[in-house]
């Protein structure tokens, strides 16, 4: 019993220690200027804001893996779907896009969904061998009708002011309304994926979600009518003021002078602080809801299913139904993070959705922080994001120190030139060290 109490006491201190470590790193980044730290609060707050968004991503993955043991390797796809929300909801409408083919696109999508629904009903209600004839027939007719409606509509939309638009445009609504819409997009896709893939074994689920994630990103890259594809979608509205507007505001310029800053620096810091407050509020709200859910009877049921599916099924629990539920909820949180991220950037660039950054790194955050522990995943996300950004700066300094004994030549120059890419090596080493000395993460599940 004394060993158990001692372990619990140590566990209680882990989260505060990790939090203090993160706070110290951000203080050094904001106040200390040397080869390792920038000495700029502008830089520190920029890292913090993306760290908070990464924490939301990690929280969604932790719900799926830490609560239910679902191995989702398609994080990047659900993130991209969430990023589509602000584009379709908050950007300005494109003049002439809807009249060119918008309604026909909606009709084509309805035909596509109706075809899938009809094929499903035929599968359920019609017995073999007749169903083997009717299902391909339904799919063939539905596909022909879908392409007949969809292709001309897309060509008309993309031909409409193709130089600066060529897409369907948005609704011009406030950007904060688009965040839950992005979450709904990701949740809808997760429901469709889950209905098919959650009956598979965990390794097959990982392969299925990996493929689905890449398909979603490929669709965003190639369907220019949706969000301009590789031409990128810029001008996404912001929920905070623009720096130039603040710099042209006499009242703000006077406040900047009172703070001892020039207007440009003060406006950049102020905008980042507003973003940090907004993202922090969303993150804290999600943590509160996640903690309440985890400690409820529903949360205990999810962990029981995770630990022993056979025993939970014997107790009458609907394993696949509960897995689908948590898969949809976790994907919605990931989609919310995507909407937040594209709002912060003001730009949707489908080519930037890299699985190494938006799947592998998020998993590193969850594992290092402590899967199954919401606070651990969040703290791990902010810490790993800070190390990911600074590794690009620290890598050359470390490599310069390591290669000092080497003579000038091709080998030393190659090592120095490769140093900025050491972030992947650094993440791998960090993951190995944590798995060796803290296999359940820095802040493990109780």
Protein backbone atom coordinates (compact mmCIF):
# COMPACT_ATOMS: atom_id res chain seq x y z
CA UNK A 1 0.00 0.00 0.00
CA UNK A 2 2.84 2.40 0.80
CA UNK A 3 4.35 1.81 -2.66
CA UNK A 4 0.97 2.53 -4.26
CA UNK A 5 0.56 5.76 -2.29
CA UNK A 6 4.10 6.79 -3.21
CA UNK A 7 3.42 6.13 -6.91
CA UNK A 8 0.19 8.15 -6.73
CA UNK A 9 2.07 11.03 -5.07
CA UNK A 10 4.68 10.99 -7.82
CA UNK A 11 1.92 10.85 -10.45
CA UNK A 12 0.20 13.92 -9.00
CA UNK A 13 3.37 15.95 -9.45
CA UNK A 14 4.07 14.93 -13.02
CA UNK A 15 1.56 17.24 -14.71
CA UNK A 16 2.66 20.37 -12.76
CA UNK A 17 6.32 19.57 -13.48
CA UNK A 18 5.68 19.19 -17.22
CA UNK A 19 3.61 22.40 -17.19
CA UNK A 20 6.42 24.31 -15.44
CA UNK A 21 8.94 22.95 -17.95
CA UNK A 22 6.78 24.18 -20.84
CA UNK A 23 6.28 27.57 -19.18
CA UNK A 24 10.05 27.89 -18.64
CA UNK A 25 10.75 27.12 -22.30
CA UNK A 26 8.28 29.77 -23.47
CA UNK A 27 9.72 32.30 -21.00
CA UNK A 28 13.20 31.64 -22.36
CA UNK A 29 11.93 31.96 -25.93
CA UNK A 30 10.31 35.30 -25.12
CA UNK A 31 13.01 36.88 -22.96
CA UNK A 32 16.39 35.30 -23.77
CA UNK A 33 18.21 36.09 -26.99
CA UNK A 34 21.06 33.77 -27.92
CA UNK A 35 21.86 30.97 -30.36
CA UNK A 36 19.09 28.76 -28.89
CA UNK A 37 16.24 31.21 -28.21
CA UNK A 38 14.92 34.14 -30.23
CA UNK A 39 14.24 36.51 -27.33
CA UNK A 40 10.98 37.53 -29.03
CA UNK A 41 7.49 37.30 -27.56
CA UNK A 42 6.21 37.44 -31.12
CA UNK A 43 7.95 34.12 -31.82
CA UNK A 44 6.94 32.61 -28.48
CA UNK A 45 3.27 33.42 -28.99
CA UNK A 46 3.33 32.12 -32.57
CA UNK A 47 4.64 28.77 -31.29
CA UNK A 48 2.10 28.80 -28.45
CA UNK A 49 -0.89 29.36 -30.75
CA UNK A 50 0.00 26.46 -33.02
CA UNK A 51 0.79 24.42 -29.92
CA UNK A 52 -2.73 25.02 -28.60
CA UNK A 53 -4.22 23.90 -31.93
CA UNK A 54 -1.96 20.83 -31.86
CA UNK A 55 -3.26 20.13 -28.35
CA UNK A 56 -6.82 20.04 -29.72
CA UNK A 57 -5.68 17.56 -32.40
CA UNK A 58 -3.96 15.43 -29.75
CA UNK A 59 -7.08 15.53 -27.58
CA UNK A 60 -9.16 14.12 -30.47
CA UNK A 61 -6.65 11.33 -31.13
CA UNK A 62 -6.47 10.59 -27.39
CA UNK A 63 -10.24 10.13 -27.29
CA UNK A 64 -10.01 7.50 -30.00
CA UNK A 65 -6.87 5.72 -28.81
CA UNK A 66 -6.77 6.45 -25.10
CA UNK A 67 -10.48 5.86 -24.48
CA UNK A 68 -11.22 3.06 -26.93
CA UNK A 69 -7.94 1.76 -28.39
CA UNK A 70 -8.83 2.80 -31.97
CA UNK A 71 -5.70 3.30 -34.09
CA UNK A 72 -6.54 6.17 -36.47
CA UNK A 73 -3.71 6.82 -38.94
CA UNK A 74 -5.81 9.14 -41.11
CA UNK A 75 -5.64 12.19 -38.83
CA UNK A 76 -4.50 14.41 -41.71
CA UNK A 77 -7.69 13.67 -43.69
CA UNK A 78 -10.09 14.63 -40.91
CA UNK A 79 -7.99 17.73 -40.22
CA UNK A 80 -8.27 18.73 -43.89
CA UNK A 81 -12.04 18.27 -43.84
CA UNK A 82 -12.28 20.53 -40.79
CA UNK A 83 -10.19 23.13 -42.62
CA UNK A 84 -12.76 23.10 -45.42
CA UNK A 85 -15.40 24.51 -43.03
CA UNK A 86 -14.17 28.14 -42.97
CA UNK A 87 -13.73 28.11 -46.75
CA UNK A 88 -17.33 27.07 -47.46
CA UNK A 89 -18.94 29.03 -44.64
CA UNK A 90 -16.97 32.23 -44.07
CA UNK A 91 -15.29 33.28 -47.30
CA UNK A 92 -17.07 35.75 -49.56
CA UNK A 93 -19.53 34.34 -52.15
CA UNK A 94 -18.13 34.01 -55.68
CA UNK A 95 -20.22 36.02 -58.11
CA UNK A 96 -21.93 33.74 -60.64
CA UNK A 97 -20.68 30.43 -59.16
CA UNK A 98 -24.05 29.16 -57.95
CA UNK A 99 -25.84 30.15 -61.13
CA UNK A 100 -23.11 28.46 -63.19
CA UNK A 101 -23.48 25.06 -61.57
CA UNK A 102 -23.95 25.19 -57.80
CA UNK A 103 -27.44 23.73 -57.68
CA UNK A 104 -26.51 21.03 -60.18
CA UNK A 105 -23.55 20.01 -57.99
CA UNK A 106 -25.88 19.67 -55.00
CA UNK A 107 -28.28 17.59 -57.09
CA UNK A 108 -25.40 15.36 -58.25
CA UNK A 109 -24.22 14.84 -54.66
CA UNK A 110 -27.79 13.96 -53.64
CA UNK A 111 -27.93 11.42 -56.48
CA UNK A 112 -24.61 9.91 -55.33
CA UNK A 113 -25.78 9.55 -51.72
CA UNK A 114 -29.14 8.21 -52.86
CA UNK A 115 -27.41 5.60 -55.02
CA UNK A 116 -25.37 4.35 -52.05
CA UNK A 117 -28.48 4.29 -49.84
CA UNK A 118 -30.50 2.39 -52.44
CA UNK A 119 -27.67 -0.14 -52.97
CA UNK A 120 -27.53 -0.67 -49.20
CA UNK A 121 -31.26 -1.32 -49.01
CA UNK A 122 -31.04 -3.79 -51.90
CA UNK A 123 -28.26 -5.62 -50.07
CA UNK A 124 -30.36 -5.83 -46.91
CA UNK A 125 -33.75 -6.68 -48.39
CA UNK A 126 -33.14 -8.64 -51.59
CA UNK A 127 -31.85 -12.18 -51.31
CA UNK A 128 -29.13 -13.73 -53.41
CA UNK A 129 -28.70 -14.39 -56.29
CA UNK A 130 -31.00 -11.54 -57.38
CA UNK A 131 -29.13 -9.03 -55.19
CA UNK A 132 -25.88 -9.82 -57.04
CA UNK A 133 -27.57 -8.54 -60.22
CA UNK A 134 -29.48 -5.58 -58.80
CA UNK A 135 -26.67 -4.01 -56.76
CA UNK A 136 -24.23 -3.58 -59.70
CA UNK A 137 -27.14 -2.31 -61.81
CA UNK A 138 -28.11 0.30 -59.20
CA UNK A 139 -24.50 1.43 -58.83
CA UNK A 140 -23.97 1.65 -62.59
CA UNK A 141 -27.12 3.69 -63.25
CA UNK A 142 -26.41 5.95 -60.26
CA UNK A 143 -22.80 6.52 -61.37
CA UNK A 144 -23.86 7.45 -64.93
CA UNK A 145 -26.51 9.86 -63.66
CA UNK A 146 -24.07 11.34 -61.12
CA UNK A 147 -21.39 12.02 -63.73
CA UNK A 148 -24.01 13.42 -66.14
CA UNK A 149 -24.98 16.04 -63.55
CA UNK A 150 -21.64 16.60 -61.83
CA UNK A 151 -19.06 16.98 -64.61
CA UNK A 152 -20.69 19.85 -66.59
CA UNK A 153 -21.49 21.70 -63.35
CA UNK A 154 -17.90 21.49 -62.13
CA UNK A 155 -16.53 22.65 -65.49
CA UNK A 156 -18.86 25.65 -65.44
CA UNK A 157 -17.88 26.62 -61.87
CA UNK A 158 -14.15 26.31 -62.56
CA UNK A 159 -14.50 28.37 -65.75
CA UNK A 160 -16.20 31.18 -63.81
CA UNK A 161 -13.53 33.85 -63.15
CA UNK A 162 -10.87 31.14 -63.07
CA UNK A 163 -7.95 33.52 -62.56
CA UNK A 164 -9.02 34.73 -59.11
CA UNK A 165 -11.83 32.34 -58.17
CA UNK A 166 -12.98 29.27 -60.07
CA UNK A 167 -14.60 27.79 -56.97
CA UNK A 168 -18.06 27.62 -55.44
CA UNK A 169 -17.29 30.25 -52.80
CA UNK A 170 -18.53 30.64 -49.26
CA UNK A 171 -21.56 32.06 -47.49
CA UNK A 172 -19.89 35.09 -45.94
CA UNK A 173 -20.89 34.12 -42.38
CA UNK A 174 -18.78 34.84 -39.24
CA UNK A 175 -15.73 32.61 -39.10
CA UNK A 176 -16.45 31.33 -35.59
CA UNK A 177 -19.64 29.73 -36.94
CA UNK A 178 -17.52 27.77 -39.40
CA UNK A 179 -15.56 25.96 -36.68
CA UNK A 180 -18.42 23.65 -35.61
CA UNK A 181 -19.24 23.16 -39.31
CA UNK A 182 -15.68 21.93 -39.90
CA UNK A 183 -16.13 19.57 -36.96
CA UNK A 184 -19.38 18.30 -38.51
CA UNK A 185 -17.64 17.66 -41.86
CA UNK A 186 -15.02 15.52 -40.13
CA UNK A 187 -17.66 13.77 -38.01
CA UNK A 188 -19.74 12.90 -41.10
CA UNK A 189 -16.72 11.41 -42.85
CA UNK A 190 -15.77 9.50 -39.69
CA UNK A 191 -19.28 8.05 -39.50
CA UNK A 192 -19.03 6.77 -43.08
CA UNK A 193 -15.54 5.34 -42.51
CA UNK A 194 -16.51 3.86 -39.17
CA UNK A 195 -19.59 2.07 -40.49
CA UNK A 196 -17.32 0.17 -42.88
CA UNK A 197 -13.97 -0.11 -41.10
CA UNK A 198 -14.73 -0.44 -37.39
CA UNK A 199 -15.74 -4.04 -37.80
CA UNK A 200 -12.17 -4.81 -38.89
CA UNK A 201 -9.21 -5.72 -36.70
CA UNK A 202 -7.12 -2.84 -35.33
CA UNK A 203 -4.33 -3.25 -37.91
CA UNK A 204 -6.86 -3.25 -40.76
CA UNK A 205 -8.50 -0.16 -39.28
CA UNK A 206 -5.13 1.60 -39.32
CA UNK A 207 -4.63 0.73 -43.00
CA UNK A 208 -8.18 1.80 -43.89
CA UNK A 209 -7.93 5.17 -42.13
CA UNK A 210 -4.50 5.80 -43.67
CA UNK A 211 -5.97 5.32 -47.14
CA UNK A 212 -9.07 7.39 -46.39
CA UNK A 213 -6.92 10.26 -45.09
CA UNK A 214 -4.86 10.33 -48.27
CA UNK A 215 -8.01 10.14 -50.44
CA UNK A 216 -9.53 13.16 -48.66
CA UNK A 217 -6.35 15.23 -49.16
CA UNK A 218 -6.17 14.15 -52.83
CA UNK A 219 -9.78 15.26 -53.38
CA UNK A 220 -9.02 18.69 -51.92
CA UNK A 221 -5.97 19.01 -54.17
CA UNK A 222 -7.77 18.08 -57.37
CA UNK A 223 -11.33 19.41 -56.99
CA UNK A 224 -10.70 23.06 -57.80
CA UNK A 225 -14.40 23.92 -57.71
CA UNK A 226 -14.44 23.16 -53.99
CA UNK A 227 -11.53 25.18 -52.57
CA UNK A 228 -9.35 26.05 -55.60
CA UNK A 229 -7.22 22.92 -55.22
CA UNK A 230 -3.47 23.50 -55.50
CA UNK A 231 -4.11 27.15 -56.36
CA UNK A 232 -4.77 27.56 -52.62
CA UNK A 233 -7.56 29.49 -50.96
CA UNK A 234 -6.50 32.75 -49.33
CA UNK A 235 -8.39 35.58 -47.66
CA UNK A 236 -10.11 33.42 -45.05
CA UNK A 237 -11.66 35.85 -42.52
CA UNK A 238 -10.28 36.22 -39.01
CA UNK A 239 -12.07 36.51 -35.66
CA UNK A 240 -9.50 39.04 -34.45
CA UNK A 241 -8.39 42.43 -35.86
CA UNK A 242 -5.80 42.74 -38.61
CA UNK A 243 -2.41 44.16 -37.67
CA UNK A 244 -2.64 46.97 -40.24
CA UNK A 245 -6.00 48.09 -38.87
CA UNK A 246 -4.49 48.31 -35.38
CA UNK A 247 -1.48 50.22 -36.68
CA UNK A 248 -3.81 52.77 -38.28
CA UNK A 249 -5.81 53.15 -35.07
CA UNK A 250 -4.64 56.23 -33.14
CA UNK A 251 -5.80 54.81 -29.81
CA UNK A 252 -3.84 51.60 -30.29
CA UNK A 253 -0.72 53.51 -31.43
CA UNK A 254 -0.89 55.53 -28.21
CA UNK A 255 -1.18 52.32 -26.16
CA UNK A 256 1.78 50.81 -28.01
CA UNK A 257 3.86 53.87 -27.15
CA UNK A 258 2.83 53.51 -23.50
CA UNK A 259 3.97 49.88 -23.61
CA UNK A 260 7.32 50.97 -25.02
CA UNK A 261 6.78 49.20 -28.35
CA UNK A 262 6.54 50.30 -31.94
CA UNK A 263 3.05 49.87 -33.46
CA UNK A 264 4.09 46.98 -35.74
CA UNK A 265 5.50 44.85 -32.93
CA UNK A 266 2.67 45.73 -30.53
CA UNK A 267 -0.03 44.90 -33.09
CA UNK A 268 1.55 41.52 -33.92
CA UNK A 269 1.81 40.59 -30.23
CA UNK A 270 -1.72 41.81 -29.46
CA UNK A 271 -3.26 39.78 -32.31
CA UNK A 272 -1.38 36.66 -31.21
CA UNK A 273 -2.54 37.20 -27.62
CA UNK A 274 -6.14 37.40 -28.79
CA UNK A 275 -5.71 34.19 -30.75
CA UNK A 276 -4.10 32.52 -27.72
CA UNK A 277 -7.04 33.54 -25.54
CA UNK A 278 -9.55 32.24 -28.08
CA UNK A 279 -7.75 28.94 -28.70
CA UNK A 280 -7.09 28.49 -24.98
CA UNK A 281 -10.78 28.98 -24.19
CA UNK A 282 -11.79 26.34 -26.76
CA UNK A 283 -9.13 23.93 -25.48
CA UNK A 284 -10.13 24.34 -21.83
CA UNK A 285 -13.78 23.81 -22.74
CA UNK A 286 -12.91 20.61 -24.59
CA UNK A 287 -10.77 19.36 -21.69
CA UNK A 288 -13.61 20.02 -19.25
CA UNK A 289 -16.09 18.08 -21.39
CA UNK A 290 -13.58 15.29 -22.01
CA UNK A 291 -12.79 14.94 -18.30
CA UNK A 292 -16.48 14.87 -17.38
CA UNK A 293 -17.11 12.22 -20.03
CA UNK A 294 -14.11 10.13 -19.00
CA UNK A 295 -15.18 10.04 -15.33
CA UNK A 296 -18.83 9.29 -16.13
CA UNK A 297 -20.34 5.78 -16.45
CA UNK A 298 -19.95 6.18 -20.23
CA UNK A 299 -16.20 6.80 -19.82
CA UNK A 300 -15.79 3.79 -17.54
CA UNK A 301 -17.66 1.68 -20.08
CA UNK A 302 -15.35 2.88 -22.90
CA UNK A 303 -12.25 1.98 -20.92
CA UNK A 304 -13.73 -1.41 -20.05
CA UNK A 305 -14.30 -2.05 -23.76
CA UNK A 306 -10.74 -0.91 -24.51
CA UNK A 307 -9.22 -3.21 -21.91
CA UNK A 308 -11.29 -6.34 -22.66
CA UNK A 309 -13.76 -6.34 -25.54
CA UNK A 310 -14.79 -9.95 -24.91
CA UNK A 311 -15.75 -9.30 -21.30
CA UNK A 312 -17.58 -6.08 -22.23
CA UNK A 313 -19.54 -7.88 -24.96
CA UNK A 314 -20.46 -10.57 -22.46
CA UNK A 315 -21.93 -7.82 -20.26
CA UNK A 316 -24.20 -6.79 -23.14
CA UNK A 317 -22.27 -3.76 -24.42
CA UNK A 318 -22.54 -2.84 -28.10
CA UNK A 319 -18.83 -2.81 -28.96
CA UNK A 320 -19.08 -1.63 -32.56
CA UNK A 321 -21.68 1.01 -31.69
CA UNK A 322 -19.54 2.47 -28.91
CA UNK A 323 -16.45 2.37 -31.12
CA UNK A 324 -18.33 4.25 -33.84
CA UNK A 325 -19.48 6.80 -31.28
CA UNK A 326 -16.00 7.61 -29.97
CA UNK A 327 -14.50 7.52 -33.47
CA UNK A 328 -16.97 10.16 -34.63
CA UNK A 329 -16.45 12.34 -31.53
CA UNK A 330 -12.65 12.19 -31.77
CA UNK A 331 -12.69 12.97 -35.50
CA UNK A 332 -15.00 15.94 -34.87
CA UNK A 333 -12.46 17.34 -32.40
CA UNK A 334 -9.70 16.85 -34.98
CA UNK A 335 -11.88 18.63 -37.58
CA UNK A 336 -12.40 21.51 -35.15
CA UNK A 337 -8.60 21.81 -34.88
CA UNK A 338 -8.40 21.96 -38.69
CA UNK A 339 -10.90 24.83 -38.81
CA UNK A 340 -8.95 26.67 -36.10
CA UNK A 341 -5.66 26.13 -37.93
CA UNK A 342 -6.83 27.43 -41.30
CA UNK A 343 -8.38 30.45 -39.55
CA UNK A 344 -5.04 31.22 -37.89
CA UNK A 345 -3.16 30.88 -41.20
CA UNK A 346 -5.80 32.68 -43.28
CA UNK A 347 -4.94 30.21 -46.03
CA UNK A 348 -6.05 26.72 -47.10
CA UNK A 349 -3.21 24.95 -48.91
CA UNK A 350 -4.08 21.29 -49.62
CA UNK A 351 -0.48 20.60 -50.56
CA UNK A 352 0.57 21.43 -47.01
CA UNK A 353 -1.36 18.56 -45.40
CA UNK A 354 1.62 16.30 -44.82
CA UNK A 355 1.00 13.00 -42.96
CA UNK A 356 4.40 13.31 -41.22
CA UNK A 357 3.30 16.59 -39.66
CA UNK A 358 -0.40 15.99 -39.14
CA UNK A 359 -0.49 12.27 -38.32
CA UNK A 360 2.93 11.05 -37.15
CA UNK A 361 3.70 14.11 -35.04
CA UNK A 362 0.25 14.14 -33.43
CA UNK A 363 0.70 10.51 -32.45
CA UNK A 364 4.10 11.37 -30.95
CA UNK A 365 2.37 14.09 -28.91
CA UNK A 366 -0.20 11.64 -27.53
CA UNK A 367 2.30 8.89 -26.75
CA UNK A 368 4.84 11.23 -25.13
CA UNK A 369 2.19 13.07 -23.15
CA UNK A 370 0.40 9.95 -21.96
CA UNK A 371 -2.41 8.22 -23.86
CA UNK A 372 -5.62 7.92 -21.91
CA UNK A 373 -4.88 11.09 -19.97
CA UNK A 374 -6.41 14.27 -21.43
CA UNK A 375 -4.06 16.62 -19.60
CA UNK A 376 -1.08 14.47 -20.55
CA UNK A 377 -1.98 14.59 -24.25
CA UNK A 378 -2.44 18.36 -24.15
CA UNK A 379 0.82 19.05 -22.31
CA UNK A 380 2.65 16.58 -24.55
CA UNK A 381 1.29 18.34 -27.64
CA UNK A 382 2.51 21.80 -26.59
CA UNK A 383 5.90 20.45 -25.50
CA UNK A 384 6.49 18.40 -28.67
CA UNK A 385 5.38 21.29 -30.89
CA UNK A 386 7.86 23.60 -29.17
CA UNK A 387 10.66 21.05 -29.65
CA UNK A 388 9.59 20.47 -33.27
CA UNK A 389 9.91 24.17 -34.09
CA UNK A 390 13.12 24.78 -32.15
CA UNK A 391 14.82 21.62 -33.48
CA UNK A 392 15.26 23.46 -36.77
CA UNK A 393 17.29 26.10 -34.91
CA UNK A 394 18.98 23.85 -32.37
CA UNK A 395 19.99 21.25 -34.99
CA UNK A 396 22.61 23.41 -36.78
CA UNK A 397 24.03 24.60 -33.44
CA UNK A 398 24.37 21.04 -32.18
CA UNK A 399 25.83 19.80 -35.46
CA UNK A 400 28.31 22.67 -35.55
CA UNK A 401 29.48 21.66 -32.07
CA UNK A 402 29.69 17.96 -32.95
CA UNK A 403 31.60 18.52 -36.21
CA UNK A 404 34.16 20.95 -34.80
CA UNK A 405 36.85 18.21 -34.49
CA UNK A 406 36.32 17.20 -38.13
CA UNK A 407 38.51 18.75 -40.84
CA UNK A 408 36.96 21.02 -43.42
CA UNK A 409 35.63 18.96 -46.27
CA UNK A 410 32.65 17.34 -47.95
CA UNK A 411 31.62 15.24 -44.94
CA UNK A 412 31.53 18.14 -42.49
CA UNK A 413 29.73 20.37 -44.97
CA UNK A 414 27.15 17.65 -45.68
CA UNK A 415 26.44 17.22 -41.97
CA UNK A 416 26.07 20.97 -41.49
CA UNK A 417 23.77 21.30 -44.52
CA UNK A 418 21.58 18.44 -43.26
CA UNK A 419 21.30 19.82 -39.71
CA UNK A 420 18.04 21.81 -40.24
CA UNK A 421 16.29 18.50 -41.07
CA UNK A 422 17.26 16.91 -37.75
CA UNK A 423 13.78 17.53 -36.35
CA UNK A 424 12.67 14.06 -37.48
CA UNK A 425 15.70 12.50 -35.78
CA UNK A 426 14.97 14.59 -32.68
CA UNK A 427 11.35 13.44 -32.57
CA UNK A 428 12.39 9.82 -32.98
CA UNK A 429 14.95 10.09 -30.18
CA UNK A 430 12.43 11.84 -27.93
CA UNK A 431 9.89 9.09 -28.55
CA UNK A 432 12.46 6.35 -27.86
CA UNK A 433 13.62 7.98 -24.63
CA UNK A 434 10.08 8.42 -23.35
CA UNK A 435 9.14 4.85 -24.25
CA UNK A 436 12.26 3.60 -22.47
CA UNK A 437 12.03 5.61 -19.25
CA UNK A 438 8.31 6.50 -19.11
CA UNK A 439 6.53 3.92 -21.29
CA UNK A 440 3.07 5.21 -20.28
CA UNK A 441 3.98 8.82 -21.10
CA UNK A 442 5.09 11.84 -19.11
CA UNK A 443 1.64 12.20 -17.52
CA UNK A 444 0.22 8.65 -17.64
CA UNK A 445 -3.37 7.57 -17.20
CA UNK A 446 -4.24 6.76 -13.58
